[in-house]
Amino acid sequence: MKSSGVIYRLGRVPDPWAVPDWASAGADGTFGNRFDDPDATYRVLYASSQRLGCFLETLARFRIDPQLAAELAVIDGEGDYFPLGEVPVEWLRKRILGIATASGEYADICSSEWISRLRKSLATHLNKFGVEDIDASALQKTAPRTLTQFVSRIVFYEGFSGIYYLSKYGHDIENWALFEPFQINVRDPETVPVEDRDLQLALRLHSLKFKE
């Protein structure tokens, strides 16, 4: 499939589309992300079709653990109490919103066609990935990332420009994993004020607030 319209990426100032240096890769050859290449052949940038998607993905790390929230609710005595996680304002000041259009073909790995292909090609690797079968639920899991990273290599070597996938924070959010060499046309980035509507919505959905 092709990307229609613009895509967004929340990255570090001054260049939100800057590619991570190989020197910062982990011992496994990746940068710890879902569709990274464990063989360190190509790098991957992550983007979203919606501005909101960028904020939901990047702010998720600040969320309160639900088990901790439940324990705090017992202490507080209110059944509907959920504490707010805090985001340092400095985190936002160091980031800028990138805007681009993308060309090329992208694999919708959770489509019925791709699930069928992957189920056949990965049949002998199920134990390695710790899954009993290859289906949409397995491909959408956060872990083990060895599975989605292996899928990334399959897609890359079939000549695709990247992967299209839905966010685990809501299937109304469309995300893109862009393979190097990146087929994107970058536009001028935008600064993100604290009062940005999509940012504020993401904070609310994740039960977060900026640290005062």
N, C-alpha and C. Protein backbone atom coordinates (compact mmCIF):
# COMPACT_ATOMS: atom_id res chain seq x y z
N MET A 1 0.84 -1.19 0.00
CA MET A 1 0.00 0.00 0.00
C MET A 1 0.87 1.24 0.00
N LYS A 2 0.29 2.37 -0.36
CA LYS A 2 1.01 3.63 -0.40
C LYS A 2 0.53 4.56 0.72
N SER A 3 1.40 5.44 1.14
CA SER A 3 1.03 6.45 2.13
C SER A 3 0.32 7.59 1.41
N SER A 4 -0.84 7.96 1.90
CA SER A 4 -1.57 9.07 1.31
C SER A 4 -1.56 10.24 2.30
N GLY A 5 -1.31 11.42 1.79
CA GLY A 5 -1.26 12.58 2.67
C GLY A 5 0.08 12.69 3.38
N VAL A 6 0.12 13.54 4.40
CA VAL A 6 1.36 13.77 5.12
C VAL A 6 1.51 12.80 6.28
N ILE A 7 2.74 12.62 6.71
CA ILE A 7 3.03 11.84 7.91
C ILE A 7 3.79 12.73 8.88
N TYR A 8 3.75 12.37 10.15
CA TYR A 8 4.35 13.18 11.20
C TYR A 8 5.31 12.34 12.04
N ARG A 9 6.32 13.03 12.57
CA ARG A 9 7.26 12.37 13.47
C ARG A 9 7.70 13.37 14.54
N LEU A 10 7.54 13.00 15.80
CA LEU A 10 8.01 13.85 16.89
C LEU A 10 9.43 13.43 17.23
N GLY A 11 10.38 14.32 16.91
CA GLY A 11 11.79 14.00 17.12
C GLY A 11 12.50 15.09 17.88
N ARG A 12 13.78 14.92 18.01
CA ARG A 12 14.57 15.87 18.78
C ARG A 12 14.96 17.08 17.93
N VAL A 13 15.02 18.23 18.57
CA VAL A 13 15.48 19.46 17.95
C VAL A 13 16.95 19.27 17.57
N PRO A 14 17.42 19.72 16.41
CA PRO A 14 16.68 20.54 15.43
C PRO A 14 16.09 19.74 14.28
N ASP A 15 16.43 18.44 14.17
CA ASP A 15 15.99 17.65 13.02
C ASP A 15 15.20 16.43 13.47
N PRO A 16 13.87 16.48 13.36
CA PRO A 16 13.05 15.35 13.81
C PRO A 16 13.21 14.09 12.96
N TRP A 17 13.79 14.25 11.77
CA TRP A 17 13.99 13.09 10.88
C TRP A 17 15.43 12.59 10.92
N ALA A 18 16.21 13.06 11.87
CA ALA A 18 17.60 12.60 11.99
C ALA A 18 17.64 11.10 12.26
N VAL A 19 18.55 10.42 11.59
CA VAL A 19 18.67 8.97 11.73
C VAL A 19 19.58 8.65 12.91
N PRO A 20 19.21 7.70 13.76
CA PRO A 20 20.07 7.36 14.90
C PRO A 20 21.43 6.83 14.44
N ASP A 21 22.46 7.20 15.17
CA ASP A 21 23.82 6.76 14.85
C ASP A 21 23.97 5.28 15.20
N TRP A 22 24.61 4.53 14.31
CA TRP A 22 24.83 3.11 14.60
C TRP A 22 25.60 2.90 15.90
N ALA A 23 26.40 3.90 16.28
CA ALA A 23 27.19 3.77 17.51
C ALA A 23 26.31 3.66 18.75
N SER A 24 25.07 4.12 18.65
CA SER A 24 24.17 4.07 19.81
C SER A 24 23.29 2.82 19.82
N ALA A 25 23.49 1.93 18.86
CA ALA A 25 22.71 0.69 18.82
C ALA A 25 23.11 -0.21 19.98
N GLY A 26 22.18 -1.05 20.41
CA GLY A 26 22.44 -1.97 21.51
C GLY A 26 23.26 -3.17 21.09
N ALA A 27 23.52 -4.05 22.04
CA ALA A 27 24.31 -5.24 21.76
C ALA A 27 23.65 -6.15 20.74
N ASP A 28 22.32 -6.04 20.62
CA ASP A 28 21.60 -6.88 19.66
C ASP A 28 21.55 -6.25 18.27
N GLY A 29 22.19 -5.11 18.09
CA GLY A 29 22.24 -4.46 16.79
C GLY A 29 21.06 -3.55 16.50
N THR A 30 20.12 -3.43 17.45
CA THR A 30 18.94 -2.59 17.24
C THR A 30 18.96 -1.40 18.19
N PHE A 31 17.99 -0.53 18.00
CA PHE A 31 17.81 0.62 18.89
C PHE A 31 16.66 0.38 19.86
N GLY A 32 16.24 -0.88 19.95
CA GLY A 32 15.21 -1.27 20.91
C GLY A 32 13.79 -1.06 20.44
N ASN A 33 13.62 -0.81 19.14
CA ASN A 33 12.29 -0.53 18.63
C ASN A 33 11.69 -1.72 17.87
N ARG A 34 10.41 -1.64 17.64
CA ARG A 34 9.60 -2.77 17.18
C ARG A 34 10.04 -3.40 15.86
N PHE A 35 10.40 -2.56 14.88
CA PHE A 35 10.74 -3.09 13.56
C PHE A 35 12.20 -2.83 13.19
N ASP A 36 13.06 -2.63 14.18
CA ASP A 36 14.48 -2.43 13.92
C ASP A 36 15.11 -3.69 13.33
N ASP A 37 16.22 -3.48 12.62
CA ASP A 37 16.92 -4.60 11.98
C ASP A 37 17.99 -5.16 12.91
N PRO A 38 17.83 -6.40 13.41
CA PRO A 38 18.82 -6.98 14.32
C PRO A 38 20.17 -7.27 13.65
N ASP A 39 20.21 -7.29 12.32
CA ASP A 39 21.47 -7.52 11.61
C ASP A 39 22.16 -6.22 11.21
N ALA A 40 21.59 -5.11 11.63
CA ALA A 40 22.21 -3.79 11.44
C ALA A 40 22.55 -3.49 9.97
N THR A 41 21.63 -3.85 9.08
CA THR A 41 21.79 -3.54 7.66
C THR A 41 21.16 -2.20 7.32
N TYR A 42 20.02 -1.92 7.92
CA TYR A 42 19.27 -0.70 7.64
C TYR A 42 18.69 -0.15 8.94
N ARG A 43 18.43 1.15 8.94
CA ARG A 43 17.80 1.78 10.10
C ARG A 43 16.34 2.11 9.78
N VAL A 44 15.59 2.35 10.84
CA VAL A 44 14.14 2.56 10.70
C VAL A 44 13.73 3.83 11.43
N LEU A 45 12.91 4.64 10.77
CA LEU A 45 12.29 5.79 11.42
C LEU A 45 10.80 5.51 11.57
N TYR A 46 10.23 5.97 12.67
CA TYR A 46 8.83 5.70 12.97
C TYR A 46 8.01 6.99 12.88
N ALA A 47 6.88 6.90 12.19
CA ALA A 47 6.04 8.08 11.96
C ALA A 47 4.57 7.69 12.07
N SER A 48 3.72 8.69 12.02
CA SER A 48 2.28 8.46 12.15
C SER A 48 1.51 9.32 11.15
N SER A 49 0.36 8.84 10.73
CA SER A 49 -0.50 9.63 9.83
C SER A 49 -1.21 10.75 10.58
N GLN A 50 -1.25 10.65 11.90
CA GLN A 50 -1.92 11.67 12.72
C GLN A 50 -0.95 12.30 13.71
N ARG A 51 -1.09 13.59 13.92
CA ARG A 51 -0.28 14.27 14.92
C ARG A 51 -0.48 13.62 16.28
N LEU A 52 -1.75 13.30 16.58
CA LEU A 52 -2.07 12.67 17.86
C LEU A 52 -1.28 11.39 18.05
N GLY A 53 -1.11 10.62 16.97
CA GLY A 53 -0.37 9.37 17.07
C GLY A 53 1.06 9.56 17.55
N CYS A 54 1.70 10.63 17.09
CA CYS A 54 3.08 10.91 17.54
C CYS A 54 3.14 11.10 19.05
N PHE A 55 2.18 11.85 19.57
CA PHE A 55 2.17 12.13 21.01
C PHE A 55 1.80 10.88 21.82
N LEU A 56 0.85 10.11 21.34
CA LEU A 56 0.47 8.88 22.05
C LEU A 56 1.64 7.92 22.14
N GLU A 57 2.37 7.76 21.05
CA GLU A 57 3.49 6.82 21.02
C GLU A 57 4.64 7.27 21.91
N THR A 58 4.99 8.54 21.85
CA THR A 58 6.18 9.00 22.57
C THR A 58 5.93 9.30 24.04
N LEU A 59 4.69 9.60 24.40
CA LEU A 59 4.38 9.89 25.80
C LEU A 59 4.08 8.64 26.62
N ALA A 60 3.87 7.53 25.96
CA ALA A 60 3.45 6.31 26.66
C ALA A 60 4.41 5.88 27.75
N ARG A 61 5.69 6.19 27.58
CA ARG A 61 6.70 5.78 28.57
C ARG A 61 6.49 6.42 29.94
N PHE A 62 5.74 7.53 29.98
CA PHE A 62 5.52 8.24 31.24
C PHE A 62 4.27 7.76 31.99
N ARG A 63 3.54 6.83 31.42
CA ARG A 63 2.30 6.39 32.06
C ARG A 63 2.55 5.68 33.38
N ILE A 64 1.62 5.79 34.30
CA ILE A 64 1.67 5.07 35.56
C ILE A 64 1.35 3.60 35.30
N ASP A 65 2.13 2.70 35.90
CA ASP A 65 1.84 1.28 35.78
C ASP A 65 0.46 0.99 36.37
N PRO A 66 -0.40 0.25 35.64
CA PRO A 66 -1.78 0.03 36.12
C PRO A 66 -1.85 -0.70 37.46
N GLN A 67 -0.89 -1.59 37.72
CA GLN A 67 -0.89 -2.29 39.01
C GLN A 67 -0.60 -1.32 40.14
N LEU A 68 0.37 -0.42 39.91
CA LEU A 68 0.67 0.60 40.92
C LEU A 68 -0.53 1.52 41.12
N ALA A 69 -1.19 1.87 40.02
CA ALA A 69 -2.37 2.73 40.12
C ALA A 69 -3.46 2.08 40.95
N ALA A 70 -3.63 0.76 40.78
CA ALA A 70 -4.65 0.04 41.55
C ALA A 70 -4.31 0.04 43.04
N GLU A 71 -3.02 -0.13 43.36
CA GLU A 71 -2.59 -0.12 44.75
C GLU A 71 -2.80 1.26 45.38
N LEU A 72 -2.52 2.31 44.60
CA LEU A 72 -2.72 3.67 45.10
C LEU A 72 -4.21 3.97 45.29
N ALA A 73 -5.04 3.39 44.44
CA ALA A 73 -6.48 3.59 44.56
C ALA A 73 -7.00 2.99 45.85
N VAL A 74 -6.45 1.84 46.25
CA VAL A 74 -6.85 1.19 47.50
C VAL A 74 -6.46 2.08 48.68
N ILE A 75 -5.25 2.64 48.60
CA ILE A 75 -4.78 3.52 49.68
C ILE A 75 -5.64 4.77 49.76
N ASP A 76 -5.98 5.32 48.60
CA ASP A 76 -6.76 6.55 48.55
C ASP A 76 -8.21 6.32 48.95
N GLY A 77 -8.70 5.11 48.70
CA GLY A 77 -10.06 4.79 49.10
C GLY A 77 -11.12 5.13 48.08
N GLU A 78 -10.70 5.57 46.90
CA GLU A 78 -11.67 5.89 45.85
C GLU A 78 -11.52 4.89 44.72
N GLY A 79 -12.62 4.22 44.38
CA GLY A 79 -12.56 3.18 43.37
C GLY A 79 -12.22 3.67 41.98
N ASP A 80 -12.55 4.93 41.67
CA ASP A 80 -12.28 5.44 40.34
C ASP A 80 -11.04 6.33 40.30
N TYR A 81 -10.25 6.29 41.36
CA TYR A 81 -9.06 7.14 41.43
C TYR A 81 -7.96 6.57 40.55
N PHE A 82 -7.35 7.42 39.73
CA PHE A 82 -6.21 7.00 38.92
C PHE A 82 -5.20 8.14 38.93
N PRO A 83 -4.02 7.91 39.49
CA PRO A 83 -3.03 8.98 39.61
C PRO A 83 -2.50 9.40 38.24
N LEU A 84 -2.11 10.65 38.13
CA LEU A 84 -1.57 11.15 36.88
C LEU A 84 -0.05 11.00 36.86
N GLY A 85 0.46 10.45 35.77
CA GLY A 85 1.90 10.41 35.58
C GLY A 85 2.38 11.81 35.22
N GLU A 86 3.65 12.09 35.45
CA GLU A 86 4.17 13.43 35.21
C GLU A 86 5.20 13.43 34.08
N VAL A 87 5.10 14.42 33.22
CA VAL A 87 6.01 14.59 32.09
C VAL A 87 6.82 15.86 32.31
N PRO A 88 8.14 15.78 32.32
CA PRO A 88 8.94 17.00 32.49
C PRO A 88 8.73 17.95 31.31
N VAL A 89 8.58 19.23 31.58
CA VAL A 89 8.40 20.21 30.51
C VAL A 89 9.61 20.23 29.60
N GLU A 90 10.79 19.92 30.15
CA GLU A 90 12.01 19.90 29.35
C GLU A 90 11.92 18.88 28.22
N TRP A 91 11.16 17.81 28.45
CA TRP A 91 10.98 16.78 27.42
C TRP A 91 10.38 17.40 26.17
N LEU A 92 9.38 18.26 26.33
CA LEU A 92 8.73 18.89 25.19
C LEU A 92 9.64 19.93 24.53
N ARG A 93 10.38 20.67 25.32
CA ARG A 93 11.24 21.72 24.78
C ARG A 93 12.32 21.16 23.87
N LYS A 94 12.69 19.91 24.08
CA LYS A 94 13.74 19.29 23.28
C LYS A 94 13.22 18.63 22.01
N ARG A 95 11.92 18.75 21.76
CA ARG A 95 11.32 18.06 20.62
C ARG A 95 10.60 19.00 19.67
N ILE A 96 10.52 18.52 18.43
CA ILE A 96 9.90 19.29 17.37
C ILE A 96 9.14 18.32 16.46
N LEU A 97 8.07 18.80 15.85
CA LEU A 97 7.23 17.92 15.04
C LEU A 97 7.64 17.98 13.57
N GLY A 98 8.09 16.84 13.06
CA GLY A 98 8.47 16.74 11.67
C GLY A 98 7.26 16.43 10.79
N ILE A 99 7.27 16.98 9.58
CA ILE A 99 6.19 16.77 8.62
C ILE A 99 6.81 16.34 7.30
N ALA A 100 6.22 15.35 6.65
CA ALA A 100 6.78 14.86 5.39
C ALA A 100 5.72 14.12 4.60
N THR A 101 6.01 13.87 3.34
CA THR A 101 5.23 12.95 2.54
C THR A 101 6.13 11.78 2.20
N ALA A 102 5.54 10.60 2.07
CA ALA A 102 6.34 9.39 1.82
C ALA A 102 5.92 8.75 0.50
N SER A 103 6.90 8.29 -0.25
CA SER A 103 6.63 7.55 -1.47
C SER A 103 7.03 6.10 -1.26
N GLY A 104 6.77 5.26 -2.25
CA GLY A 104 7.13 3.85 -2.12
C GLY A 104 5.95 2.99 -1.70
N GLU A 105 6.20 1.70 -1.61
CA GLU A 105 5.19 0.73 -1.22
C GLU A 105 5.46 0.24 0.21
N TYR A 106 4.40 0.11 1.00
CA TYR A 106 4.52 -0.30 2.39
C TYR A 106 3.69 -1.55 2.64
N ALA A 107 4.24 -2.45 3.42
CA ALA A 107 3.57 -3.72 3.69
C ALA A 107 2.62 -3.59 4.87
N ASP A 108 1.37 -3.93 4.65
CA ASP A 108 0.38 -3.98 5.72
C ASP A 108 0.44 -5.38 6.32
N ILE A 109 1.34 -5.58 7.27
CA ILE A 109 1.65 -6.93 7.75
C ILE A 109 0.50 -7.59 8.51
N CYS A 110 -0.49 -6.81 8.91
CA CYS A 110 -1.64 -7.41 9.60
C CYS A 110 -2.82 -7.63 8.66
N SER A 111 -2.59 -7.48 7.37
CA SER A 111 -3.62 -7.80 6.39
C SER A 111 -3.69 -9.32 6.24
N SER A 112 -4.81 -9.82 5.75
CA SER A 112 -4.98 -11.27 5.60
C SER A 112 -3.93 -11.86 4.66
N GLU A 113 -3.58 -11.13 3.62
CA GLU A 113 -2.58 -11.61 2.65
C GLU A 113 -1.22 -11.78 3.31
N TRP A 114 -0.80 -10.78 4.06
CA TRP A 114 0.51 -10.85 4.70
C TRP A 114 0.54 -11.86 5.84
N ILE A 115 -0.52 -11.96 6.60
CA ILE A 115 -0.55 -12.96 7.68
C ILE A 115 -0.41 -14.35 7.10
N SER A 116 -1.06 -14.62 5.98
CA SER A 116 -0.94 -15.93 5.33
C SER A 116 0.49 -16.19 4.89
N ARG A 117 1.13 -15.20 4.30
CA ARG A 117 2.52 -15.35 3.84
C ARG A 117 3.47 -15.57 5.01
N LEU A 118 3.31 -14.79 6.06
CA LEU A 118 4.20 -14.90 7.21
C LEU A 118 3.99 -16.20 7.96
N ARG A 119 2.76 -16.65 8.04
CA ARG A 119 2.46 -17.91 8.74
C ARG A 119 3.19 -19.08 8.08
N LYS A 120 3.29 -19.05 6.77
CA LYS A 120 4.00 -20.11 6.05
C LYS A 120 5.51 -19.98 6.19
N SER A 121 6.02 -18.79 6.02
CA SER A 121 7.47 -18.59 6.04
C SER A 121 8.07 -18.69 7.44
N LEU A 122 7.27 -18.46 8.48
CA LEU A 122 7.79 -18.49 9.85
C LEU A 122 7.37 -19.73 10.62
N ALA A 123 6.78 -20.70 9.94
CA ALA A 123 6.24 -21.89 10.61
C ALA A 123 7.29 -22.63 11.43
N THR A 124 8.52 -22.66 10.96
CA THR A 124 9.58 -23.41 11.66
C THR A 124 10.28 -22.57 12.74
N HIS A 125 9.84 -21.32 12.91
CA HIS A 125 10.51 -20.43 13.87
C HIS A 125 9.65 -20.08 15.08
N LEU A 126 8.50 -20.74 15.22
CA LEU A 126 7.56 -20.35 16.28
C LEU A 126 8.17 -20.46 17.67
N ASN A 127 8.91 -21.53 17.94
CA ASN A 127 9.53 -21.70 19.27
C ASN A 127 10.52 -20.59 19.56
N LYS A 128 11.24 -20.17 18.54
CA LYS A 128 12.22 -19.09 18.69
C LYS A 128 11.56 -17.80 19.14
N PHE A 129 10.36 -17.56 18.63
CA PHE A 129 9.65 -16.32 18.94
C PHE A 129 8.73 -16.45 20.15
N GLY A 130 8.56 -17.65 20.66
CA GLY A 130 7.71 -17.85 21.83
C GLY A 130 6.24 -17.67 21.55
N VAL A 131 5.81 -18.00 20.32
CA VAL A 131 4.39 -17.90 19.96
C VAL A 131 3.92 -19.24 19.41
N GLU A 132 2.62 -19.48 19.50
CA GLU A 132 2.07 -20.74 19.01
C GLU A 132 1.62 -20.65 17.57
N ASP A 133 1.38 -19.44 17.10
CA ASP A 133 0.91 -19.26 15.73
C ASP A 133 1.21 -17.82 15.30
N ILE A 134 1.18 -17.59 14.00
CA ILE A 134 1.36 -16.25 13.48
C ILE A 134 0.01 -15.71 13.04
N ASP A 135 -0.46 -14.71 13.76
CA ASP A 135 -1.71 -14.04 13.41
C ASP A 135 -1.59 -12.57 13.80
N ALA A 136 -2.66 -11.83 13.62
CA ALA A 136 -2.60 -10.39 13.90
C ALA A 136 -2.27 -10.11 15.36
N SER A 137 -2.80 -10.92 16.27
CA SER A 137 -2.55 -10.68 17.69
C SER A 137 -1.08 -10.86 18.03
N ALA A 138 -0.42 -11.83 17.39
CA ALA A 138 1.01 -12.04 17.64
C ALA A 138 1.83 -10.88 17.09
N LEU A 139 1.46 -10.37 15.93
CA LEU A 139 2.21 -9.30 15.29
C LEU A 139 2.00 -7.96 15.98
N GLN A 140 0.92 -7.83 16.73
CA GLN A 140 0.63 -6.56 17.41
C GLN A 140 1.17 -6.51 18.83
N LYS A 141 1.72 -7.61 19.32
CA LYS A 141 2.26 -7.63 20.67
C LYS A 141 3.54 -6.81 20.77
N THR A 142 3.73 -6.20 21.94
CA THR A 142 4.95 -5.44 22.17
C THR A 142 6.17 -6.36 22.24
N ALA A 143 5.98 -7.54 22.80
CA ALA A 143 7.06 -8.51 22.93
C ALA A 143 6.54 -9.89 22.52
N PRO A 144 7.41 -10.76 22.01
CA PRO A 144 8.84 -10.54 21.80
C PRO A 144 9.12 -9.73 20.55
N ARG A 145 10.01 -8.77 20.65
CA ARG A 145 10.32 -7.94 19.48
C ARG A 145 11.15 -8.68 18.45
N THR A 146 11.71 -9.82 18.85
CA THR A 146 12.45 -10.61 17.87
C THR A 146 11.54 -11.03 16.72
N LEU A 147 10.26 -11.22 17.00
CA LEU A 147 9.32 -11.61 15.95
C LEU A 147 9.11 -10.47 14.96
N THR A 148 8.72 -9.30 15.45
CA THR A 148 8.44 -8.19 14.54
C THR A 148 9.71 -7.70 13.85
N GLN A 149 10.85 -7.82 14.51
CA GLN A 149 12.11 -7.44 13.86
C GLN A 149 12.47 -8.42 12.75
N PHE A 150 12.17 -9.69 12.94
CA PHE A 150 12.40 -10.69 11.89
C PHE A 150 11.46 -10.41 10.71
N VAL A 151 10.22 -10.07 11.01
CA VAL A 151 9.25 -9.72 9.96
C VAL A 151 9.74 -8.50 9.19
N SER A 152 10.33 -7.54 9.89
CA SER A 152 10.86 -6.35 9.25
C SER A 152 11.88 -6.72 8.18
N ARG A 153 12.74 -7.68 8.48
CA ARG A 153 13.76 -8.10 7.52
C ARG A 153 13.12 -8.75 6.30
N ILE A 154 12.09 -9.55 6.53
CA ILE A 154 11.39 -10.18 5.40
C ILE A 154 10.82 -9.11 4.47
N VAL A 155 10.18 -8.12 5.06
CA VAL A 155 9.57 -7.04 4.28
C VAL A 155 10.65 -6.24 3.54
N PHE A 156 11.75 -5.94 4.22
CA PHE A 156 12.84 -5.16 3.63
C PHE A 156 13.41 -5.87 2.41
N TYR A 157 13.69 -7.16 2.54
CA TYR A 157 14.32 -7.89 1.44
C TYR A 157 13.36 -8.25 0.32
N GLU A 158 12.09 -7.97 0.52
CA GLU A 158 11.13 -8.10 -0.58
C GLU A 158 10.97 -6.78 -1.32
N GLY A 159 11.76 -5.79 -0.92
CA GLY A 159 11.82 -4.54 -1.67
C GLY A 159 10.84 -3.46 -1.25
N PHE A 160 10.21 -3.62 -0.10
CA PHE A 160 9.27 -2.61 0.36
C PHE A 160 10.00 -1.44 1.03
N SER A 161 9.34 -0.29 1.05
CA SER A 161 9.93 0.91 1.65
C SER A 161 9.70 0.98 3.15
N GLY A 162 8.86 0.09 3.67
CA GLY A 162 8.59 0.08 5.10
C GLY A 162 7.34 -0.72 5.43
N ILE A 163 6.83 -0.49 6.62
CA ILE A 163 5.68 -1.24 7.14
C ILE A 163 4.60 -0.28 7.60
N TYR A 164 3.37 -0.61 7.26
CA TYR A 164 2.19 0.10 7.76
C TYR A 164 1.59 -0.73 8.89
N TYR A 165 1.27 -0.08 10.01
CA TYR A 165 0.69 -0.82 11.13
C TYR A 165 -0.17 0.11 11.98
N LEU A 166 -1.12 -0.48 12.68
CA LEU A 166 -1.99 0.29 13.56
C LEU A 166 -1.38 0.36 14.96
N SER A 167 -1.60 1.47 15.62
CA SER A 167 -1.03 1.68 16.95
C SER A 167 -1.68 0.78 17.99
N LYS A 168 -0.89 0.32 18.93
CA LYS A 168 -1.44 -0.47 20.03
C LYS A 168 -2.21 0.41 21.01
N TYR A 169 -2.11 1.72 20.87
CA TYR A 169 -2.84 2.64 21.73
C TYR A 169 -4.20 3.03 21.14
N GLY A 170 -4.54 2.44 20.02
CA GLY A 170 -5.83 2.70 19.39
C GLY A 170 -5.76 2.44 17.90
N HIS A 171 -6.64 1.63 17.38
CA HIS A 171 -6.59 1.28 15.96
C HIS A 171 -7.11 2.39 15.06
N ASP A 172 -7.44 3.54 15.64
CA ASP A 172 -7.75 4.71 14.83
C ASP A 172 -6.48 5.48 14.47
N ILE A 173 -5.34 5.02 14.98
CA ILE A 173 -4.05 5.66 14.71
C ILE A 173 -3.25 4.79 13.74
N GLU A 174 -2.85 5.39 12.60
CA GLU A 174 -2.08 4.68 11.59
C GLU A 174 -0.61 5.07 11.69
N ASN A 175 0.25 4.08 11.80
CA ASN A 175 1.68 4.32 11.94
C ASN A 175 2.47 3.73 10.77
N TRP A 176 3.70 4.22 10.64
CA TRP A 176 4.58 3.80 9.56
C TRP A 176 5.99 3.56 10.08
N ALA A 177 6.56 2.43 9.70
CA ALA A 177 7.98 2.16 9.95
C ALA A 177 8.69 2.36 8.62
N LEU A 178 9.53 3.36 8.53
CA LEU A 178 10.18 3.75 7.28
C LEU A 178 11.58 3.17 7.21
N PHE A 179 11.87 2.42 6.15
CA PHE A 179 13.17 1.79 6.00
C PHE A 179 14.17 2.72 5.31
N GLU A 180 15.42 2.57 5.70
CA GLU A 180 16.52 3.23 5.02
C GLU A 180 16.83 2.48 3.72
N PRO A 181 17.05 3.16 2.59
CA PRO A 181 17.05 4.61 2.37
C PRO A 181 15.62 5.16 2.37
N PHE A 182 15.42 6.23 3.11
CA PHE A 182 14.08 6.76 3.35
C PHE A 182 13.54 7.49 2.12
N GLN A 183 12.34 7.12 1.72
CA GLN A 183 11.70 7.75 0.57
C GLN A 183 10.69 8.78 1.07
N ILE A 184 11.22 9.86 1.62
CA ILE A 184 10.37 10.90 2.19
C ILE A 184 10.77 12.27 1.66
N ASN A 185 9.80 13.14 1.56
CA ASN A 185 10.02 14.53 1.17
C ASN A 185 9.69 15.39 2.39
N VAL A 186 10.72 15.88 3.03
CA VAL A 186 10.57 16.57 4.32
C VAL A 186 10.14 18.03 4.13
N ARG A 187 9.20 18.46 4.96
CA ARG A 187 8.76 19.85 4.99
C ARG A 187 9.31 20.54 6.24
N ASP A 188 9.05 21.83 6.35
CA ASP A 188 9.51 22.56 7.53
C ASP A 188 8.84 22.00 8.78
N PRO A 189 9.61 21.77 9.84
CA PRO A 189 9.04 21.23 11.08
C PRO A 189 8.26 22.30 11.84
N GLU A 190 7.48 21.84 12.82
CA GLU A 190 6.68 22.74 13.65
C GLU A 190 7.09 22.60 15.11
N THR A 191 7.16 23.73 15.81
CA THR A 191 7.33 23.66 17.26
C THR A 191 5.99 23.26 17.88
N VAL A 192 6.06 22.69 19.06
CA VAL A 192 4.84 22.22 19.72
C VAL A 192 4.66 22.97 21.04
N PRO A 193 3.69 23.86 21.12
CA PRO A 193 3.44 24.57 22.38
C PRO A 193 2.75 23.65 23.39
N VAL A 194 2.86 23.97 24.65
CA VAL A 194 2.25 23.16 25.70
C VAL A 194 0.75 23.02 25.50
N GLU A 195 0.12 24.06 24.97
CA GLU A 195 -1.34 24.04 24.82
C GLU A 195 -1.81 23.36 23.53
N ASP A 196 -0.91 22.78 22.76
CA ASP A 196 -1.29 22.09 21.52
C ASP A 196 -2.43 21.11 21.79
N ARG A 197 -3.48 21.14 20.96
CA ARG A 197 -4.69 20.35 21.21
C ARG A 197 -4.41 18.85 21.17
N ASP A 198 -3.65 18.39 20.18
CA ASP A 198 -3.36 16.96 20.09
C ASP A 198 -2.46 16.50 21.24
N LEU A 199 -1.52 17.35 21.62
CA LEU A 199 -0.67 17.04 22.77
C LEU A 199 -1.51 16.92 24.03
N GLN A 200 -2.40 17.87 24.25
CA GLN A 200 -3.24 17.85 25.44
C GLN A 200 -4.18 16.64 25.44
N LEU A 201 -4.67 16.25 24.27
CA LEU A 201 -5.53 15.07 24.19
C LEU A 201 -4.74 13.82 24.53
N ALA A 202 -3.52 13.72 24.03
CA ALA A 202 -2.68 12.56 24.33
C ALA A 202 -2.39 12.47 25.83
N LEU A 203 -2.12 13.62 26.45
CA LEU A 203 -1.89 13.64 27.90
C LEU A 203 -3.12 13.12 28.64
N ARG A 204 -4.29 13.56 28.22
CA ARG A 204 -5.53 13.12 28.88
C ARG A 204 -5.75 11.62 28.69
N LEU A 205 -5.56 11.14 27.48
CA LEU A 205 -5.79 9.72 27.19
C LEU A 205 -4.83 8.82 27.96
N HIS A 206 -3.62 9.31 28.18
CA HIS A 206 -2.61 8.53 28.92
C HIS A 206 -2.61 8.84 30.42
N SER A 207 -3.53 9.67 30.88
CA SER A 207 -3.59 10.09 32.29
C SER A 207 -2.26 10.69 32.73
N LEU A 208 -1.83 11.70 31.97
CA LEU A 208 -0.56 12.37 32.23
C LEU A 208 -0.78 13.87 32.43
N LYS A 209 0.22 14.51 33.01
CA LYS A 209 0.23 15.96 33.13
C LYS A 209 1.68 16.42 33.12
N PHE A 210 1.90 17.68 32.78
CA PHE A 210 3.24 18.23 32.84
C PHE A 210 3.61 18.54 34.28
N LYS A 211 4.85 18.22 34.62
CA LYS A 211 5.35 18.47 35.97
C LYS A 211 5.54 19.96 36.17
N GLU A 212 4.95 20.48 37.22
CA GLU A 212 5.02 21.92 37.49
C GLU A 212 6.29 22.27 38.25
